[in-house]
Amino acid sequence: MPQRSLPHRDRAAVRPLLPLPLVPARNRVGICFNALIESSRGEVLSGQPEPVVTPSNSGRGQTIVRCPQCRIALWSHYAGGGPAFSFVRVGTLDNPDLLPPDIHIFTSSKQPWVILPPDVPAAAEYYDRNAHWPPQSLERRRVLLAVLAANQNEAPAR
């Protein structure tokens, strides 16, 4: 299968190393597939991606990081994990075929012409990560959340 070439690849890209489970996620313009990864495991190869803060269904907002030239979304940070977790748009990666979905979420809002494969779990809205994530991914999340909590406790009072 030929690789897709997107115009922003030479200016801003990210390379996830060990992705957590992959989930398709809704955005304001349609369906995308995200790979959840610790932000520290991603690498900006070139350019200076631009963060754009937008509203979210939670009311706490999200930050969408975009290519400054073509404005395509590269990854997002949601309020729950902040900048520590990146939801990388799989279609912006050099080899998106290497990251097929582990689970489909928010399927209640999918278009009827979107056909989900029967061998991949699906959830109408969000899902129970403990029921679907592999143990090593749950452990990686636990470790990162513990580090974040420790850093918050050590922050000097203002």
C-alpha atoms as a PDB file:
ATOM      1  CA  MET A   1       0.000   0.000   0.000  1.00  0.00           C
ATOM      2  CA  PRO A   2       1.473   3.391  -0.932  1.00  0.00           C
ATOM      3  CA  GLN A   3       2.194   5.818   1.875  1.00  0.00           C
ATOM      4  CA  ARG A   4       0.145   8.986   2.019  1.00  0.00           C
ATOM      5  CA  SER A   5       2.046  12.200   1.954  1.00  0.00           C
ATOM      6  CA  LEU A   6       0.464  15.145   3.725  1.00  0.00           C
ATOM      7  CA  PRO A   7       1.733  18.673   3.084  1.00  0.00           C
ATOM      8  CA  HIS A   8       2.665  19.352   6.717  1.00  0.00           C
ATOM      9  CA  ARG A   9       4.959  16.352   7.116  1.00  0.00           C
ATOM     10  CA  ASP A  10       8.118  18.339   6.490  1.00  0.00           C
ATOM     11  CA  ARG A  11       7.136  21.174   8.822  1.00  0.00           C
ATOM     12  CA  ALA A  12       5.593  19.587  11.895  1.00  0.00           C
ATOM     13  CA  ALA A  13       5.238  15.938  12.750  1.00  0.00           C
ATOM     14  CA  VAL A  14       5.254  13.661  15.750  1.00  0.00           C
ATOM     15  CA  ARG A  15       6.645  10.181  16.181  1.00  0.00           C
ATOM     16  CA  PRO A  16       4.970   8.107  18.910  1.00  0.00           C
ATOM     17  CA  LEU A  17       7.180   5.403  20.320  1.00  0.00           C
ATOM     18  CA  LEU A  18       4.931   3.052  22.294  1.00  0.00           C
ATOM     19  CA  PRO A  19       1.272   3.991  21.820  1.00  0.00           C
ATOM     20  CA  LEU A  20      -1.375   3.264  24.395  1.00  0.00           C
ATOM     21  CA  PRO A  21      -4.633   1.863  23.010  1.00  0.00           C
ATOM     22  CA  LEU A  22      -5.871   3.545  19.894  1.00  0.00           C
ATOM     23  CA  VAL A  23      -9.334   5.046  19.864  1.00  0.00           C
ATOM     24  CA  PRO A  24     -11.258   6.896  17.203  1.00  0.00           C
ATOM     25  CA  ALA A  25     -12.436  10.208  18.561  1.00  0.00           C
ATOM     26  CA  ARG A  26     -14.931  12.813  17.476  1.00  0.00           C
ATOM     27  CA  ASN A  27     -13.833  16.234  16.531  1.00  0.00           C
ATOM     28  CA  ARG A  28     -15.693  19.250  15.257  1.00  0.00           C
ATOM     29  CA  VAL A  29     -15.397  18.228  11.613  1.00  0.00           C
ATOM     30  CA  GLY A  30     -15.800  14.463  11.574  1.00  0.00           C
ATOM     31  CA  ILE A  31     -14.096  11.242  12.579  1.00  0.00           C
ATOM     32  CA  CYS A  32     -10.424  10.865  13.315  1.00  0.00           C
ATOM     33  CA  PHE A  33      -8.318   8.109  14.780  1.00  0.00           C
ATOM     34  CA  ASN A  34      -6.163   8.977  17.785  1.00  0.00           C
ATOM     35  CA  ALA A  35      -3.248   7.167  19.359  1.00  0.00           C
ATOM     36  CA  LEU A  36      -3.007   7.991  23.051  1.00  0.00           C
ATOM     37  CA  ILE A  37       0.583   8.368  24.174  1.00  0.00           C
ATOM     38  CA  GLU A  38       2.577  10.035  26.902  1.00  0.00           C
ATOM     39  CA  SER A  39       3.649  13.406  25.510  1.00  0.00           C
ATOM     40  CA  SER A  40       7.215  12.766  26.651  1.00  0.00           C
ATOM     41  CA  ARG A  41       7.362   9.828  24.230  1.00  0.00           C
ATOM     42  CA  GLY A  42       6.537  11.967  21.193  1.00  0.00           C
ATOM     43  CA  GLU A  43       9.013  13.963  19.179  1.00  0.00           C
ATOM     44  CA  VAL A  44       8.438  17.048  17.052  1.00  0.00           C
ATOM     45  CA  LEU A  45      10.643  16.435  14.050  1.00  0.00           C
ATOM     46  CA  SER A  46      10.540  19.934  12.618  1.00  0.00           C
ATOM     47  CA  GLY A  47       8.612  23.173  12.754  1.00  0.00           C
ATOM     48  CA  GLN A  48       6.770  24.786  15.638  1.00  0.00           C
ATOM     49  CA  PRO A  49       3.245  23.342  16.033  1.00  0.00           C
ATOM     50  CA  GLU A  50       0.652  25.836  17.311  1.00  0.00           C
ATOM     51  CA  PRO A  51      -1.689  25.070  20.227  1.00  0.00           C
ATOM     52  CA  VAL A  52      -5.295  26.232  19.821  1.00  0.00           C
ATOM     53  CA  VAL A  53      -7.599  26.117  22.863  1.00  0.00           C
ATOM     54  CA  THR A  54     -11.162  25.088  22.000  1.00  0.00           C
ATOM     55  CA  PRO A  55     -14.329  24.254  23.949  1.00  0.00           C
ATOM     56  CA  SER A  56     -15.195  20.632  24.719  1.00  0.00           C
ATOM     57  CA  ASN A  57     -18.262  18.658  25.807  1.00  0.00           C
ATOM     58  CA  SER A  58     -16.791  18.427  29.315  1.00  0.00           C
ATOM     59  CA  GLY A  59     -16.772  22.204  29.623  1.00  0.00           C
ATOM     60  CA  ARG A  60     -13.066  22.131  30.560  1.00  0.00           C
ATOM     61  CA  GLY A  61     -11.783  22.663  27.031  1.00  0.00           C
ATOM     62  CA  GLN A  62      -9.091  20.978  25.015  1.00  0.00           C
ATOM     63  CA  THR A  63      -5.943  22.085  23.251  1.00  0.00           C
ATOM     64  CA  ILE A  64      -5.598  21.084  19.614  1.00  0.00           C
ATOM     65  CA  VAL A  65      -2.019  21.326  18.359  1.00  0.00           C
ATOM     66  CA  ARG A  66      -1.923  22.261  14.675  1.00  0.00           C
ATOM     67  CA  CYS A  67       0.576  22.601  11.853  1.00  0.00           C
ATOM     68  CA  PRO A  68       1.193  26.342  11.460  1.00  0.00           C
ATOM     69  CA  GLN A  69       1.186  26.123   7.634  1.00  0.00           C
ATOM     70  CA  CYS A  70      -1.747  23.864   6.729  1.00  0.00           C
ATOM     71  CA  ARG A  71      -3.611  24.059  10.088  1.00  0.00           C
ATOM     72  CA  ILE A  72      -4.206  20.286  10.186  1.00  0.00           C
ATOM     73  CA  ALA A  73      -4.656  18.907  13.714  1.00  0.00           C
ATOM     74  CA  LEU A  74      -1.610  16.886  14.765  1.00  0.00           C
ATOM     75  CA  TRP A  75      -2.608  16.001  18.339  1.00  0.00           C
ATOM     76  CA  SER A  76      -4.812  17.139  21.217  1.00  0.00           C
ATOM     77  CA  HIS A  77      -4.506  17.525  24.964  1.00  0.00           C
ATOM     78  CA  TYR A  78      -7.729  17.066  26.953  1.00  0.00           C
ATOM     79  CA  ALA A  79      -8.373  18.575  30.381  1.00  0.00           C
ATOM     80  CA  GLY A  80      -8.213  15.241  32.234  1.00  0.00           C
ATOM     81  CA  GLY A  81      -4.571  14.547  31.363  1.00  0.00           C
ATOM     82  CA  GLY A  82      -3.468  17.990  30.314  1.00  0.00           C
ATOM     83  CA  PRO A  83      -0.229  18.270  28.376  1.00  0.00           C
ATOM     84  CA  ALA A  84       1.099  15.000  29.838  1.00  0.00           C
ATOM     85  CA  PHE A  85      -1.010  12.906  27.438  1.00  0.00           C
ATOM     86  CA  SER A  86      -1.232  13.440  23.674  1.00  0.00           C
ATOM     87  CA  PHE A  87      -4.009  12.135  21.462  1.00  0.00           C
ATOM     88  CA  VAL A  88      -2.029  11.934  18.214  1.00  0.00           C
ATOM     89  CA  ARG A  89      -3.935  11.965  14.911  1.00  0.00           C
ATOM     90  CA  VAL A  90      -2.870   8.679  13.377  1.00  0.00           C
ATOM     91  CA  GLY A  91      -3.377   9.984   9.832  1.00  0.00           C
ATOM     92  CA  THR A  92      -0.539  12.484  10.366  1.00  0.00           C
ATOM     93  CA  LEU A  93       2.011   9.746  11.062  1.00  0.00           C
ATOM     94  CA  ASP A  94       4.409   8.343   8.479  1.00  0.00           C
ATOM     95  CA  ASN A  95       2.932   4.827   8.809  1.00  0.00           C
ATOM     96  CA  PRO A  96      -0.689   5.096   9.959  1.00  0.00           C
ATOM     97  CA  ASP A  97      -1.352   1.512   8.834  1.00  0.00           C
ATOM     98  CA  LEU A  98       0.732   0.304  11.795  1.00  0.00           C
ATOM     99  CA  LEU A  99      -1.861   1.613  14.287  1.00  0.00           C
ATOM    100  CA  PRO A 100      -5.298   0.124  13.593  1.00  0.00           C
ATOM    101  CA  PRO A 101      -7.987   0.894  16.210  1.00  0.00           C
ATOM    102  CA  ASP A 102      -8.116  -1.140  19.425  1.00  0.00           C
ATOM    103  CA  ILE A 103     -11.634   0.157  20.170  1.00  0.00           C
ATOM    104  CA  HIS A 104     -14.186   2.452  18.525  1.00  0.00           C
ATOM    105  CA  ILE A 105     -15.772   5.038  20.825  1.00  0.00           C
ATOM    106  CA  PHE A 106     -18.576   7.586  20.505  1.00  0.00           C
ATOM    107  CA  THR A 107     -20.194   5.334  17.917  1.00  0.00           C
ATOM    108  CA  SER A 108     -23.638   6.727  18.771  1.00  0.00           C
ATOM    109  CA  SER A 109     -22.760   9.764  16.647  1.00  0.00           C
ATOM    110  CA  LYS A 110     -21.232   7.924  13.690  1.00  0.00           C
ATOM    111  CA  GLN A 111     -22.800   8.236  10.284  1.00  0.00           C
ATOM    112  CA  PRO A 112     -24.797   5.205   9.108  1.00  0.00           C
ATOM    113  CA  TRP A 113     -22.409   4.686   6.204  1.00  0.00           C
ATOM    114  CA  VAL A 114     -19.480   4.148   8.596  1.00  0.00           C
ATOM    115  CA  ILE A 115     -19.191   0.370   8.950  1.00  0.00           C
ATOM    116  CA  LEU A 116     -17.296  -0.810  12.014  1.00  0.00           C
ATOM    117  CA  PRO A 117     -15.438  -4.121  11.882  1.00  0.00           C
ATOM    118  CA  PRO A 118     -17.146  -6.750  14.046  1.00  0.00           C
ATOM    119  CA  ASP A 119     -13.846  -7.950  15.557  1.00  0.00           C
ATOM    120  CA  VAL A 120     -13.000  -4.563  17.167  1.00  0.00           C
ATOM    121  CA  PRO A 121     -14.818  -3.535  20.379  1.00  0.00           C
ATOM    122  CA  ALA A 122     -17.154  -0.547  20.093  1.00  0.00           C
ATOM    123  CA  ALA A 123     -18.790   1.753  22.659  1.00  0.00           C
ATOM    124  CA  ALA A 124     -21.683   4.157  22.099  1.00  0.00           C
ATOM    125  CA  GLU A 125     -19.922   6.844  24.146  1.00  0.00           C
ATOM    126  CA  TYR A 126     -16.735   6.508  26.177  1.00  0.00           C
ATOM    127  CA  TYR A 127     -15.575   3.198  27.662  1.00  0.00           C
ATOM    128  CA  ASP A 128     -14.117   1.551  30.755  1.00  0.00           C
ATOM    129  CA  ARG A 129     -10.353   1.606  30.155  1.00  0.00           C
ATOM    130  CA  ASN A 130      -9.826  -1.104  32.784  1.00  0.00           C
ATOM    131  CA  ALA A 131     -11.928  -3.464  30.691  1.00  0.00           C
ATOM    132  CA  HIS A 132     -10.203  -2.688  27.383  1.00  0.00           C
ATOM    133  CA  TRP A 133      -6.630  -1.538  27.927  1.00  0.00           C
ATOM    134  CA  PRO A 134      -3.792  -4.049  28.193  1.00  0.00           C
ATOM    135  CA  PRO A 135      -2.166  -4.237  31.647  1.00  0.00           C
ATOM    136  CA  GLN A 136       1.064  -2.582  30.449  1.00  0.00           C
ATOM    137  CA  SER A 137      -0.872   0.450  29.174  1.00  0.00           C
ATOM    138  CA  LEU A 138      -2.781   0.760  32.438  1.00  0.00           C
ATOM    139  CA  GLU A 139       0.526   0.633  34.300  1.00  0.00           C
ATOM    140  CA  ARG A 140       2.076   3.319  32.104  1.00  0.00           C
ATOM    141  CA  ARG A 141      -0.932   5.543  32.792  1.00  0.00           C
ATOM    142  CA  ARG A 142      -0.740   4.873  36.540  1.00  0.00           C
ATOM    143  CA  VAL A 143       2.963   5.746  36.652  1.00  0.00           C
ATOM    144  CA  LEU A 144       2.514   8.982  34.721  1.00  0.00           C
ATOM    145  CA  LEU A 145      -0.458  10.076  36.845  1.00  0.00           C
ATOM    146  CA  ALA A 146       1.562   9.385  40.012  1.00  0.00           C
ATOM    147  CA  VAL A 147       4.440  11.520  38.712  1.00  0.00           C
ATOM    148  CA  LEU A 148       2.023  14.324  37.829  1.00  0.00           C
ATOM    149  CA  ALA A 149       0.409  14.176  41.279  1.00  0.00           C
ATOM    150  CA  ALA A 150       3.828  14.242  42.990  1.00  0.00           C
ATOM    151  CA  ASN A 151       4.886  17.254  40.889  1.00  0.00           C
ATOM    152  CA  GLN A 152       1.699  19.120  41.796  1.00  0.00           C
ATOM    153  CA  ASN A 153       2.316  18.471  45.485  1.00  0.00           C
ATOM    154  CA  GLU A 154       5.882  19.786  45.179  1.00  0.00           C
ATOM    155  CA  ALA A 155       4.886  22.973  43.339  1.00  0.00           C
ATOM    156  CA  PRO A 156       5.652  26.086  45.386  1.00  0.00           C
ATOM    157  CA  ALA A 157       2.652  28.002  46.721  1.00  0.00           C
ATOM    158  CA  ARG A 158       1.940  31.276  44.950  1.00  0.00           C
END
